[in-house]
Amino acid sequence: MASSRLEIIELPSGEIVLRRTDGEGEPFVRIQFSNEAKVLLGDASLDLGKAMIGAGVQIVGHMYSRNDQPNQDEDEAEVIELEDWQDVEGDFEFSMARVVH
């Protein structure tokens, strides 16, 4: 069973991505704010991007924990486990997720 640690980072291009910590492969998710949005958000764009990706990862984790996916072969299923996930007074804090194949 392969396992990879994931990270949310801002690339030099300004994109906020969810990718493997070893940098292999294409990012799982990319978020790019428009110039107008960057002006409105200021320094908060990275925090918002992390919150958006973290919320998506949390939802996928809940989906997989509720469904056994009976129509899908177990070897093909992907389970996302959350570690150190917090929602502090409505602000999302995302530490790490692990994708298990």
PDB file of N, CA and C in Angstrom:
ATOM      1  N   MET A   1       0.844  -1.175   0.000  1.00  0.00           N
ATOM      2  CA  MET A   1       0.000   0.000   0.000  1.00  0.00           C
ATOM      3  C   MET A   1       0.893   1.242   0.000  1.00  0.00           C
ATOM      4  N   ALA A   2       0.810   2.066  -1.059  1.00  0.00           N
ATOM      5  CA  ALA A   2       1.628   3.275  -1.159  1.00  0.00           C
ATOM      6  C   ALA A   2       0.978   4.417  -0.391  1.00  0.00           C
ATOM      7  N   SER A   3       1.805   5.245   0.191  1.00  0.00           N
ATOM      8  CA  SER A   3       1.307   6.386   0.950  1.00  0.00           C
ATOM      9  C   SER A   3       2.201   7.578   0.672  1.00  0.00           C
ATOM     10  N   SER A   4       1.603   8.753   0.533  1.00  0.00           N
ATOM     11  CA  SER A   4       2.369   9.967   0.284  1.00  0.00           C
ATOM     12  C   SER A   4       1.887  11.059   1.205  1.00  0.00           C
ATOM     13  N   ARG A   5       2.817  11.840   1.694  1.00  0.00           N
ATOM     14  CA  ARG A   5       2.459  13.025   2.462  1.00  0.00           C
ATOM     15  C   ARG A   5       2.185  14.141   1.472  1.00  0.00           C
ATOM     16  N   LEU A   6       1.247  14.990   1.826  1.00  0.00           N
ATOM     17  CA  LEU A   6       0.864  16.100   0.960  1.00  0.00           C
ATOM     18  C   LEU A   6       1.143  17.413   1.660  1.00  0.00           C
ATOM     19  N   GLU A   7       1.321  18.453   0.861  1.00  0.00           N
ATOM     20  CA  GLU A   7       1.527  19.784   1.406  1.00  0.00           C
ATOM     21  C   GLU A   7       0.754  20.795   0.580  1.00  0.00           C
ATOM     22  N   ILE A   8       0.400  21.889   1.217  1.00  0.00           N
ATOM     23  CA  ILE A   8      -0.214  23.018   0.528  1.00  0.00           C
ATOM     24  C   ILE A   8       0.821  24.129   0.538  1.00  0.00           C
ATOM     25  N   ILE A   9       1.224  24.558  -0.662  1.00  0.00           N
ATOM     26  CA  ILE A   9       2.239  25.606  -0.755  1.00  0.00           C
ATOM     27  C   ILE A   9       1.859  26.619  -1.826  1.00  0.00           C
ATOM     28  N   GLU A  10       2.501  27.776  -1.768  1.00  0.00           N
ATOM     29  CA  GLU A  10       2.360  28.776  -2.818  1.00  0.00           C
ATOM     30  C   GLU A  10       3.589  28.685  -3.705  1.00  0.00           C
ATOM     31  N   LEU A  11       3.370  28.492  -5.000  1.00  0.00           N
ATOM     32  CA  LEU A  11       4.461  28.411  -5.959  1.00  0.00           C
ATOM     33  C   LEU A  11       4.930  29.817  -6.330  1.00  0.00           C
ATOM     34  N   PRO A  12       6.123  29.950  -6.910  1.00  0.00           N
ATOM     35  CA  PRO A  12       6.601  31.270  -7.339  1.00  0.00           C
ATOM     36  C   PRO A  12       5.640  31.966  -8.305  1.00  0.00           C
ATOM     37  N   SER A  13       4.843  31.183  -9.039  1.00  0.00           N
ATOM     38  CA  SER A  13       3.863  31.746  -9.975  1.00  0.00           C
ATOM     39  C   SER A  13       2.672  32.379  -9.261  1.00  0.00           C
ATOM     40  N   GLY A  14       2.555  32.146  -7.950  1.00  0.00           N
ATOM     41  CA  GLY A  14       1.418  32.653  -7.186  1.00  0.00           C
ATOM     42  C   GLY A  14       0.315  31.629  -7.009  1.00  0.00           C
ATOM     43  N   GLU A  15       0.408  30.505  -7.729  1.00  0.00           N
ATOM     44  CA  GLU A  15      -0.579  29.438  -7.565  1.00  0.00           C
ATOM     45  C   GLU A  15      -0.419  28.799  -6.193  1.00  0.00           C
ATOM     46  N   ILE A  16      -1.538  28.419  -5.600  1.00  0.00           N
ATOM     47  CA  ILE A  16      -1.542  27.675  -4.342  1.00  0.00           C
ATOM     48  C   ILE A  16      -1.931  26.256  -4.713  1.00  0.00           C
ATOM     49  N   VAL A  17      -1.097  25.288  -4.332  1.00  0.00           N
ATOM     50  CA  VAL A  17      -1.311  23.919  -4.788  1.00  0.00           C
ATOM     51  C   VAL A  17      -1.278  22.928  -3.638  1.00  0.00           C
ATOM     52  N   LEU A  18      -1.982  21.813  -3.847  1.00  0.00           N
ATOM     53  CA  LEU A  18      -1.893  20.636  -2.989  1.00  0.00           C
ATOM     54  C   LEU A  18      -1.089  19.621  -3.775  1.00  0.00           C
ATOM     55  N   ARG A  19       0.069  19.243  -3.238  1.00  0.00           N
ATOM     56  CA  ARG A  19       0.943  18.318  -3.956  1.00  0.00           C
ATOM     57  C   ARG A  19       1.655  17.397  -2.971  1.00  0.00           C
ATOM     58  N   ARG A  20       2.307  16.384  -3.536  1.00  0.00           N
ATOM     59  CA  ARG A  20       3.136  15.494  -2.722  1.00  0.00           C
ATOM     60  C   ARG A  20       4.335  16.285  -2.210  1.00  0.00           C
ATOM     61  N   THR A  21       4.757  16.001  -0.986  1.00  0.00           N
ATOM     62  CA  THR A  21       5.893  16.730  -0.419  1.00  0.00           C
ATOM     63  C   THR A  21       7.183  16.469  -1.180  1.00  0.00           C
ATOM     64  N   ASP A  22       7.263  15.313  -1.853  1.00  0.00           N
ATOM     65  CA  ASP A  22       8.472  15.028  -2.633  1.00  0.00           C
ATOM     66  C   ASP A  22       8.455  15.740  -3.981  1.00  0.00           C
ATOM     67  N   GLY A  23       7.357  16.426  -4.303  1.00  0.00           N
ATOM     68  CA  GLY A  23       7.268  17.191  -5.543  1.00  0.00           C
ATOM     69  C   GLY A  23       7.015  16.359  -6.781  1.00  0.00           C
ATOM     70  N   GLU A  24       6.883  15.048  -6.631  1.00  0.00           N
ATOM     71  CA  GLU A  24       6.657  14.179  -7.789  1.00  0.00           C
ATOM     72  C   GLU A  24       5.247  14.349  -8.327  1.00  0.00           C
ATOM     73  N   GLY A  25       5.109  14.251  -9.629  1.00  0.00           N
ATOM     74  CA  GLY A  25       3.803  14.303 -10.266  1.00  0.00           C
ATOM     75  C   GLY A  25       3.210  15.699 -10.292  1.00  0.00           C
ATOM     76  N   GLU A  26       2.045  15.758 -10.880  1.00  0.00           N
ATOM     77  CA  GLU A  26       1.308  17.014 -11.000  1.00  0.00           C
ATOM     78  C   GLU A  26       0.559  17.288  -9.698  1.00  0.00           C
ATOM     79  N   PRO A  27       0.408  18.562  -9.309  1.00  0.00           N
ATOM     80  CA  PRO A  27      -0.381  18.865  -8.106  1.00  0.00           C
ATOM     81  C   PRO A  27      -1.805  18.318  -8.231  1.00  0.00           C
ATOM     82  N   PHE A  28      -2.375  17.909  -7.107  1.00  0.00           N
ATOM     83  CA  PHE A  28      -3.743  17.403  -7.084  1.00  0.00           C
ATOM     84  C   PHE A  28      -4.741  18.531  -7.307  1.00  0.00           C
ATOM     85  N   VAL A  29      -4.447  19.699  -6.752  1.00  0.00           N
ATOM     86  CA  VAL A  29      -5.342  20.859  -6.832  1.00  0.00           C
ATOM     87  C   VAL A  29      -4.493  22.098  -7.054  1.00  0.00           C
ATOM     88  N   ARG A  30      -5.018  23.024  -7.875  1.00  0.00           N
ATOM     89  CA  ARG A  30      -4.369  24.315  -8.099  1.00  0.00           C
ATOM     90  C   ARG A  30      -5.406  25.407  -7.886  1.00  0.00           C
ATOM     91  N   ILE A  31      -5.012  26.441  -7.160  1.00  0.00           N
ATOM     92  CA  ILE A  31      -5.869  27.613  -6.999  1.00  0.00           C
ATOM     93  C   ILE A  31      -5.059  28.819  -7.431  1.00  0.00           C
ATOM     94  N   GLN A  32      -5.652  29.616  -8.316  1.00  0.00           N
ATOM     95  CA  GLN A  32      -4.989  30.838  -8.754  1.00  0.00           C
ATOM     96  C   GLN A  32      -6.002  31.972  -8.678  1.00  0.00           C
ATOM     97  N   PHE A  33      -5.704  32.971  -7.868  1.00  0.00           N
ATOM     98  CA  PHE A  33      -6.577  34.122  -7.724  1.00  0.00           C
ATOM     99  C   PHE A  33      -6.260  35.147  -8.801  1.00  0.00           C
ATOM    100  N   SER A  34      -7.280  35.844  -9.254  1.00  0.00           N
ATOM    101  CA  SER A  34      -7.072  36.928 -10.220  1.00  0.00           C
ATOM    102  C   SER A  34      -6.315  38.065  -9.539  1.00  0.00           C
ATOM    103  N   ASN A  35      -5.756  38.959 -10.344  1.00  0.00           N
ATOM    104  CA  ASN A  35      -5.050  40.116  -9.779  1.00  0.00           C
ATOM    105  C   ASN A  35      -5.979  40.945  -8.906  1.00  0.00           C
ATOM    106  N   GLU A  36      -7.228  41.100  -9.344  1.00  0.00           N
ATOM    107  CA  GLU A  36      -8.201  41.867  -8.563  1.00  0.00           C
ATOM    108  C   GLU A  36      -8.446  41.207  -7.204  1.00  0.00           C
ATOM    109  N   ALA A  37      -8.595  39.876  -7.216  1.00  0.00           N
ATOM    110  CA  ALA A  37      -8.815  39.156  -5.957  1.00  0.00           C
ATOM    111  C   ALA A  37      -7.599  39.287  -5.041  1.00  0.00           C
ATOM    112  N   LYS A  38      -6.397  39.230  -5.623  1.00  0.00           N
ATOM    113  CA  LYS A  38      -5.176  39.372  -4.816  1.00  0.00           C
ATOM    114  C   LYS A  38      -5.116  40.735  -4.140  1.00  0.00           C
ATOM    115  N   VAL A  39      -5.553  41.775  -4.862  1.00  0.00           N
ATOM    116  CA  VAL A  39      -5.571  43.121  -4.277  1.00  0.00           C
ATOM    117  C   VAL A  39      -6.567  43.165  -3.126  1.00  0.00           C
ATOM    118  N   LEU A  40      -7.754  42.589  -3.337  1.00  0.00           N
ATOM    119  CA  LEU A  40      -8.780  42.586  -2.292  1.00  0.00           C
ATOM    120  C   LEU A  40      -8.358  41.767  -1.076  1.00  0.00           C
ATOM    121  N   LEU A  41      -7.696  40.644  -1.314  1.00  0.00           N
ATOM    122  CA  LEU A  41      -7.314  39.743  -0.224  1.00  0.00           C
ATOM    123  C   LEU A  41      -6.021  40.157   0.469  1.00  0.00           C
ATOM    124  N   GLY A  42      -5.161  40.839  -0.244  1.00  0.00           N
ATOM    125  CA  GLY A  42      -3.873  41.219   0.335  1.00  0.00           C
ATOM    126  C   GLY A  42      -3.081  39.991   0.744  1.00  0.00           C
ATOM    127  N   ASP A  43      -2.545  40.014   1.951  1.00  0.00           N
ATOM    128  CA  ASP A  43      -1.732  38.900   2.449  1.00  0.00           C
ATOM    129  C   ASP A  43      -2.558  37.663   2.799  1.00  0.00           C
ATOM    130  N   ALA A  44      -3.877  37.769   2.759  1.00  0.00           N
ATOM    131  CA  ALA A  44      -4.738  36.652   3.165  1.00  0.00           C
ATOM    132  C   ALA A  44      -4.969  35.635   2.049  1.00  0.00           C
ATOM    133  N   SER A  45      -4.455  35.873   0.841  1.00  0.00           N
ATOM    134  CA  SER A  45      -4.737  34.953  -0.263  1.00  0.00           C
ATOM    135  C   SER A  45      -4.189  33.548   0.005  1.00  0.00           C
ATOM    136  N   LEU A  46      -3.009  33.430   0.584  1.00  0.00           N
ATOM    137  CA  LEU A  46      -2.464  32.103   0.892  1.00  0.00           C
ATOM    138  C   LEU A  46      -3.312  31.406   1.950  1.00  0.00           C
ATOM    139  N   ASP A  47      -3.709  32.127   2.984  1.00  0.00           N
ATOM    140  CA  ASP A  47      -4.559  31.530   4.023  1.00  0.00           C
ATOM    141  C   ASP A  47      -5.895  31.078   3.451  1.00  0.00           C
ATOM    142  N   LEU A  48      -6.481  31.891   2.571  1.00  0.00           N
ATOM    143  CA  LEU A  48      -7.753  31.516   1.952  1.00  0.00           C
ATOM    144  C   LEU A  48      -7.574  30.291   1.067  1.00  0.00           C
ATOM    145  N   GLY A  49      -6.506  30.259   0.280  1.00  0.00           N
ATOM    146  CA  GLY A  49      -6.241  29.095  -0.563  1.00  0.00           C
ATOM    147  C   GLY A  49      -6.081  27.826   0.257  1.00  0.00           C
ATOM    148  N   LYS A  50      -5.342  27.919   1.372  1.00  0.00           N
ATOM    149  CA  LYS A  50      -5.178  26.763   2.258  1.00  0.00           C
ATOM    150  C   LYS A  50      -6.519  26.323   2.830  1.00  0.00           C
ATOM    151  N   ALA A  51      -7.349  27.279   3.210  1.00  0.00           N
ATOM    152  CA  ALA A  51      -8.665  26.948   3.772  1.00  0.00           C
ATOM    153  C   ALA A  51      -9.544  26.270   2.731  1.00  0.00           C
ATOM    154  N   MET A  52      -9.498  26.766   1.494  1.00  0.00           N
ATOM    155  CA  MET A  52     -10.307  26.182   0.427  1.00  0.00           C
ATOM    156  C   MET A  52      -9.884  24.742   0.145  1.00  0.00           C
ATOM    157  N   ILE A  53      -8.589  24.527   0.012  1.00  0.00           N
ATOM    158  CA  ILE A  53      -8.093  23.175  -0.250  1.00  0.00           C
ATOM    159  C   ILE A  53      -8.353  22.274   0.952  1.00  0.00           C
ATOM    160  N   GLY A  54      -8.102  22.780   2.153  1.00  0.00           N
ATOM    161  CA  GLY A  54      -8.343  21.996   3.365  1.00  0.00           C
ATOM    162  C   GLY A  54      -9.793  21.587   3.508  1.00  0.00           C
ATOM    163  N   ALA A  55     -10.709  22.502   3.185  1.00  0.00           N
ATOM    164  CA  ALA A  55     -12.138  22.178   3.258  1.00  0.00           C
ATOM    165  C   ALA A  55     -12.487  21.082   2.258  1.00  0.00           C
ATOM    166  N   GLY A  56     -11.919  21.155   1.070  1.00  0.00           N
ATOM    167  CA  GLY A  56     -12.160  20.118   0.069  1.00  0.00           C
ATOM    168  C   GLY A  56     -11.644  18.766   0.510  1.00  0.00           C
ATOM    169  N   VAL A  57     -10.448  18.743   1.081  1.00  0.00           N
ATOM    170  CA  VAL A  57      -9.869  17.491   1.576  1.00  0.00           C
ATOM    171  C   VAL A  57     -10.731  16.923   2.697  1.00  0.00           C
ATOM    172  N   GLN A  58     -11.215  17.786   3.577  1.00  0.00           N
ATOM    173  CA  GLN A  58     -12.065  17.331   4.677  1.00  0.00           C
ATOM    174  C   GLN A  58     -13.362  16.726   4.141  1.00  0.00           C
ATOM    175  N   ILE A  59     -13.964  17.350   3.158  1.00  0.00           N
ATOM    176  CA  ILE A  59     -15.210  16.829   2.579  1.00  0.00           C
ATOM    177  C   ILE A  59     -14.972  15.473   1.933  1.00  0.00           C
ATOM    178  N   VAL A  60     -13.889  15.340   1.183  1.00  0.00           N
ATOM    179  CA  VAL A  60     -13.577  14.053   0.560  1.00  0.00           C
ATOM    180  C   VAL A  60     -13.359  12.987   1.631  1.00  0.00           C
ATOM    181  N   GLY A  61     -12.663  13.339   2.703  1.00  0.00           N
ATOM    182  CA  GLY A  61     -12.463  12.395   3.802  1.00  0.00           C
ATOM    183  C   GLY A  61     -13.772  11.933   4.403  1.00  0.00           C
ATOM    184  N   HIS A  62     -14.713  12.870   4.584  1.00  0.00           N
ATOM    185  CA  HIS A  62     -16.030  12.506   5.117  1.00  0.00           C
ATOM    186  C   HIS A  62     -16.791  11.627   4.130  1.00  0.00           C
ATOM    187  N   MET A  63     -16.680  11.929   2.833  1.00  0.00           N
ATOM    188  CA  MET A  63     -17.371  11.125   1.824  1.00  0.00           C
ATOM    189  C   MET A  63     -16.892   9.682   1.872  1.00  0.00           C
ATOM    190  N   TYR A  64     -15.593   9.492   1.951  1.00  0.00           N
ATOM    191  CA  TYR A  64     -15.048   8.140   1.974  1.00  0.00           C
ATOM    192  C   TYR A  64     -15.325   7.427   3.285  1.00  0.00           C
ATOM    193  N   SER A  65     -15.432   8.159   4.374  1.00  0.00           N
ATOM    194  CA  SER A  65     -15.724   7.499   5.644  1.00  0.00           C
ATOM    195  C   SER A  65     -17.185   7.073   5.724  1.00  0.00           C
ATOM    196  N   ARG A  66     -18.072   7.731   4.977  1.00  0.00           N
ATOM    197  CA  ARG A  66     -19.497   7.378   4.983  1.00  0.00           C
ATOM    198  C   ARG A  66     -19.836   6.302   3.967  1.00  0.00           C
ATOM    199  N   ASN A  67     -19.095   6.260   2.873  1.00  0.00           N
ATOM    200  CA  ASN A  67     -19.414   5.329   1.786  1.00  0.00           C
ATOM    201  C   ASN A  67     -18.348   4.264   1.669  1.00  0.00           C
ATOM    202  N   ASP A  68     -18.794   3.032   1.521  1.00  0.00           N
ATOM    203  CA  ASP A  68     -17.848   1.944   1.273  1.00  0.00           C
ATOM    204  C   ASP A  68     -17.588   1.776  -0.209  1.00  0.00           C
ATOM    205  N   GLN A  69     -18.275   2.537  -1.040  1.00  0.00           N
ATOM    206  CA  GLN A  69     -18.128   2.479  -2.487  1.00  0.00           C
ATOM    207  C   GLN A  69     -18.284   1.039  -2.985  1.00  0.00           C
ATOM    208  N   PRO A  70     -19.478   0.422  -2.823  1.00  0.00           N
ATOM    209  CA  PRO A  70     -19.649  -0.987  -3.164  1.00  0.00           C
ATOM    210  C   PRO A  70     -19.429  -1.293  -4.641  1.00  0.00           C
ATOM    211  N   ASN A  71     -19.570  -0.327  -5.528  1.00  0.00           N
ATOM    212  CA  ASN A  71     -19.409  -0.576  -6.956  1.00  0.00           C
ATOM    213  C   ASN A  71     -17.973  -0.399  -7.420  1.00  0.00           C
ATOM    214  N   GLN A  72     -17.068  -0.090  -6.521  1.00  0.00           N
ATOM    215  CA  GLN A  72     -15.689   0.172  -6.900  1.00  0.00           C
ATOM    216  C   GLN A  72     -14.775  -0.866  -6.272  1.00  0.00           C
ATOM    217  N   ASP A  73     -13.826  -1.367  -7.053  1.00  0.00           N
ATOM    218  CA  ASP A  73     -12.842  -2.321  -6.551  1.00  0.00           C
ATOM    219  C   ASP A  73     -12.033  -1.673  -5.437  1.00  0.00           C
ATOM    220  N   GLU A  74     -11.799  -2.411  -4.354  1.00  0.00           N
ATOM    221  CA  GLU A  74     -11.086  -1.866  -3.196  1.00  0.00           C
ATOM    222  C   GLU A  74      -9.690  -1.382  -3.557  1.00  0.00           C
ATOM    223  N   ASP A  75      -9.035  -2.060  -4.510  1.00  0.00           N
ATOM    224  CA  ASP A  75      -7.689  -1.656  -4.908  1.00  0.00           C
ATOM    225  C   ASP A  75      -7.684  -0.311  -5.621  1.00  0.00           C
ATOM    226  N   GLU A  76      -8.804   0.073  -6.228  1.00  0.00           N
ATOM    227  CA  GLU A  76      -8.880   1.329  -6.960  1.00  0.00           C
ATOM    228  C   GLU A  76      -9.295   2.488  -6.071  1.00  0.00           C
ATOM    229  N   ALA A  77      -9.840   2.205  -4.902  1.00  0.00           N
ATOM    230  CA  ALA A  77     -10.354   3.262  -4.032  1.00  0.00           C
ATOM    231  C   ALA A  77      -9.208   4.062  -3.430  1.00  0.00           C
ATOM    232  N   GLU A  78      -9.428   5.352  -3.282  1.00  0.00           N
ATOM    233  CA  GLU A  78      -8.461   6.236  -2.657  1.00  0.00           C
ATOM    234  C   GLU A  78      -9.080   6.773  -1.384  1.00  0.00           C
ATOM    235  N   VAL A  79      -8.386   6.677  -0.282  1.00  0.00           N
ATOM    236  CA  VAL A  79      -8.892   7.172   0.988  1.00  0.00           C
ATOM    237  C   VAL A  79      -7.982   8.295   1.441  1.00  0.00           C
ATOM    238  N   ILE A  80      -8.565   9.394   1.838  1.00  0.00           N
ATOM    239  CA  ILE A  80      -7.777  10.511   2.328  1.00  0.00           C
ATOM    240  C   ILE A  80      -7.974  10.606   3.822  1.00  0.00           C
ATOM    241  N   GLU A  81      -6.881  10.487   4.572  1.00  0.00           N
ATOM    242  CA  GLU A  81      -6.923  10.583   6.024  1.00  0.00           C
ATOM    243  C   GLU A  81      -6.399  11.946   6.430  1.00  0.00           C
ATOM    244  N   LEU A  82      -7.102  12.599   7.328  1.00  0.00           N
ATOM    245  CA  LEU A  82      -6.686  13.920   7.784  1.00  0.00           C
ATOM    246  C   LEU A  82      -5.897  13.806   9.073  1.00  0.00           C
ATOM    247  N   GLU A  83      -4.860  14.593   9.182  1.00  0.00           N
ATOM    248  CA  GLU A  83      -4.067  14.654  10.401  1.00  0.00           C
ATOM    249  C   GLU A  83      -3.981  16.108  10.834  1.00  0.00           C
ATOM    250  N   ASP A  84      -4.168  16.367  12.102  1.00  0.00           N
ATOM    251  CA  ASP A  84      -4.025  17.705  12.675  1.00  0.00           C
ATOM    252  C   ASP A  84      -4.941  18.736  12.020  1.00  0.00           C
ATOM    253  N   TRP A  85      -6.160  18.350  11.688  1.00  0.00           N
ATOM    254  CA  TRP A  85      -7.123  19.275  11.092  1.00  0.00           C
ATOM    255  C   TRP A  85      -7.803  20.037  12.206  1.00  0.00           C
ATOM    256  N   GLN A  86      -7.901  21.350  12.074  1.00  0.00           N
ATOM    257  CA  GLN A  86      -8.560  22.160  13.086  1.00  0.00           C
ATOM    258  C   GLN A  86      -9.430  23.205  12.412  1.00  0.00           C
ATOM    259  N   ASP A  87     -10.504  23.567  13.056  1.00  0.00           N
ATOM    260  CA  ASP A  87     -11.321  24.696  12.642  1.00  0.00           C
ATOM    261  C   ASP A  87     -11.428  25.595  13.866  1.00  0.00           C
ATOM    262  N   VAL A  88     -10.608  26.615  13.918  1.00  0.00           N
ATOM    263  CA  VAL A  88     -10.519  27.480  15.084  1.00  0.00           C
ATOM    264  C   VAL A  88     -11.343  28.732  14.834  1.00  0.00           C
ATOM    265  N   GLU A  89     -12.467  28.852  15.557  1.00  0.00           N
ATOM    266  CA  GLU A  89     -13.348  30.013  15.456  1.00  0.00           C
ATOM    267  C   GLU A  89     -13.659  30.376  14.010  1.00  0.00           C
ATOM    268  N   GLY A  90     -13.947  29.362  13.206  1.00  0.00           N
ATOM    269  CA  GLY A  90     -14.307  29.601  11.819  1.00  0.00           C
ATOM    270  C   GLY A  90     -13.121  29.736  10.884  1.00  0.00           C
ATOM    271  N   ASP A  91     -11.914  29.790  11.412  1.00  0.00           N
ATOM    272  CA  ASP A  91     -10.716  29.871  10.578  1.00  0.00           C
ATOM    273  C   ASP A  91     -10.156  28.470  10.412  1.00  0.00           C
ATOM    274  N   PHE A  92      -9.904  28.077   9.171  1.00  0.00           N
ATOM    275  CA  PHE A  92      -9.398  26.735   8.921  1.00  0.00           C
ATOM    276  C   PHE A  92      -7.896  26.694   9.111  1.00  0.00           C
ATOM    277  N   GLU A  93      -7.413  25.642   9.720  1.00  0.00           N
ATOM    278  CA  GLU A  93      -5.979  25.402   9.859  1.00  0.00           C
ATOM    279  C   GLU A  93      -5.716  23.991   9.377  1.00  0.00           C
ATOM    280  N   PHE A  94      -4.888  23.837   8.384  1.00  0.00           N
ATOM    281  CA  PHE A  94      -4.653  22.553   7.751  1.00  0.00           C
ATOM    282  C   PHE A  94      -3.192  22.184   7.907  1.00  0.00           C
ATOM    283  N   SER A  95      -2.916  21.047   8.477  1.00  0.00           N
ATOM    284  CA  SER A  95      -1.528  20.643   8.652  1.00  0.00           C
ATOM    285  C   SER A  95      -1.086  19.672   7.567  1.00  0.00           C
ATOM    286  N   MET A  96      -1.718  18.505   7.487  1.00  0.00           N
ATOM    287  CA  MET A  96      -1.224  17.510   6.557  1.00  0.00           C
ATOM    288  C   MET A  96      -2.325  16.509   6.253  1.00  0.00           C
ATOM    289  N   ALA A  97      -2.307  15.974   5.059  1.00  0.00           N
ATOM    290  CA  ALA A  97      -3.217  14.894   4.690  1.00  0.00           C
ATOM    291  C   ALA A  97      -2.372  13.779   4.103  1.00  0.00           C
ATOM    292  N   ARG A  98      -2.906  12.584   4.128  1.00  0.00           N
ATOM    293  CA  ARG A  98      -2.191  11.448   3.578  1.00  0.00           C
ATOM    294  C   ARG A  98      -3.126  10.738   2.617  1.00  0.00           C
ATOM    295  N   VAL A  99      -2.676  10.493   1.399  1.00  0.00           N
ATOM    296  CA  VAL A  99      -3.464   9.764   0.420  1.00  0.00           C
ATOM    297  C   VAL A  99      -2.991   8.322   0.441  1.00  0.00           C
ATOM    298  N   VAL A 100      -3.911   7.416   0.657  1.00  0.00           N
ATOM    299  CA  VAL A 100      -3.587   5.996   0.722  1.00  0.00           C
ATOM    300  C   VAL A 100      -4.258   5.321  -0.453  1.00  0.00           C
ATOM    301  N   HIS A 101      -3.476   4.619  -1.259  1.00  0.00           N
ATOM    302  CA  HIS A 101      -4.031   3.922  -2.433  1.00  0.00           C
ATOM    303  C   HIS A 101      -4.254   2.470  -2.098  1.00  0.00           C
TER     304      HIS A 101
END
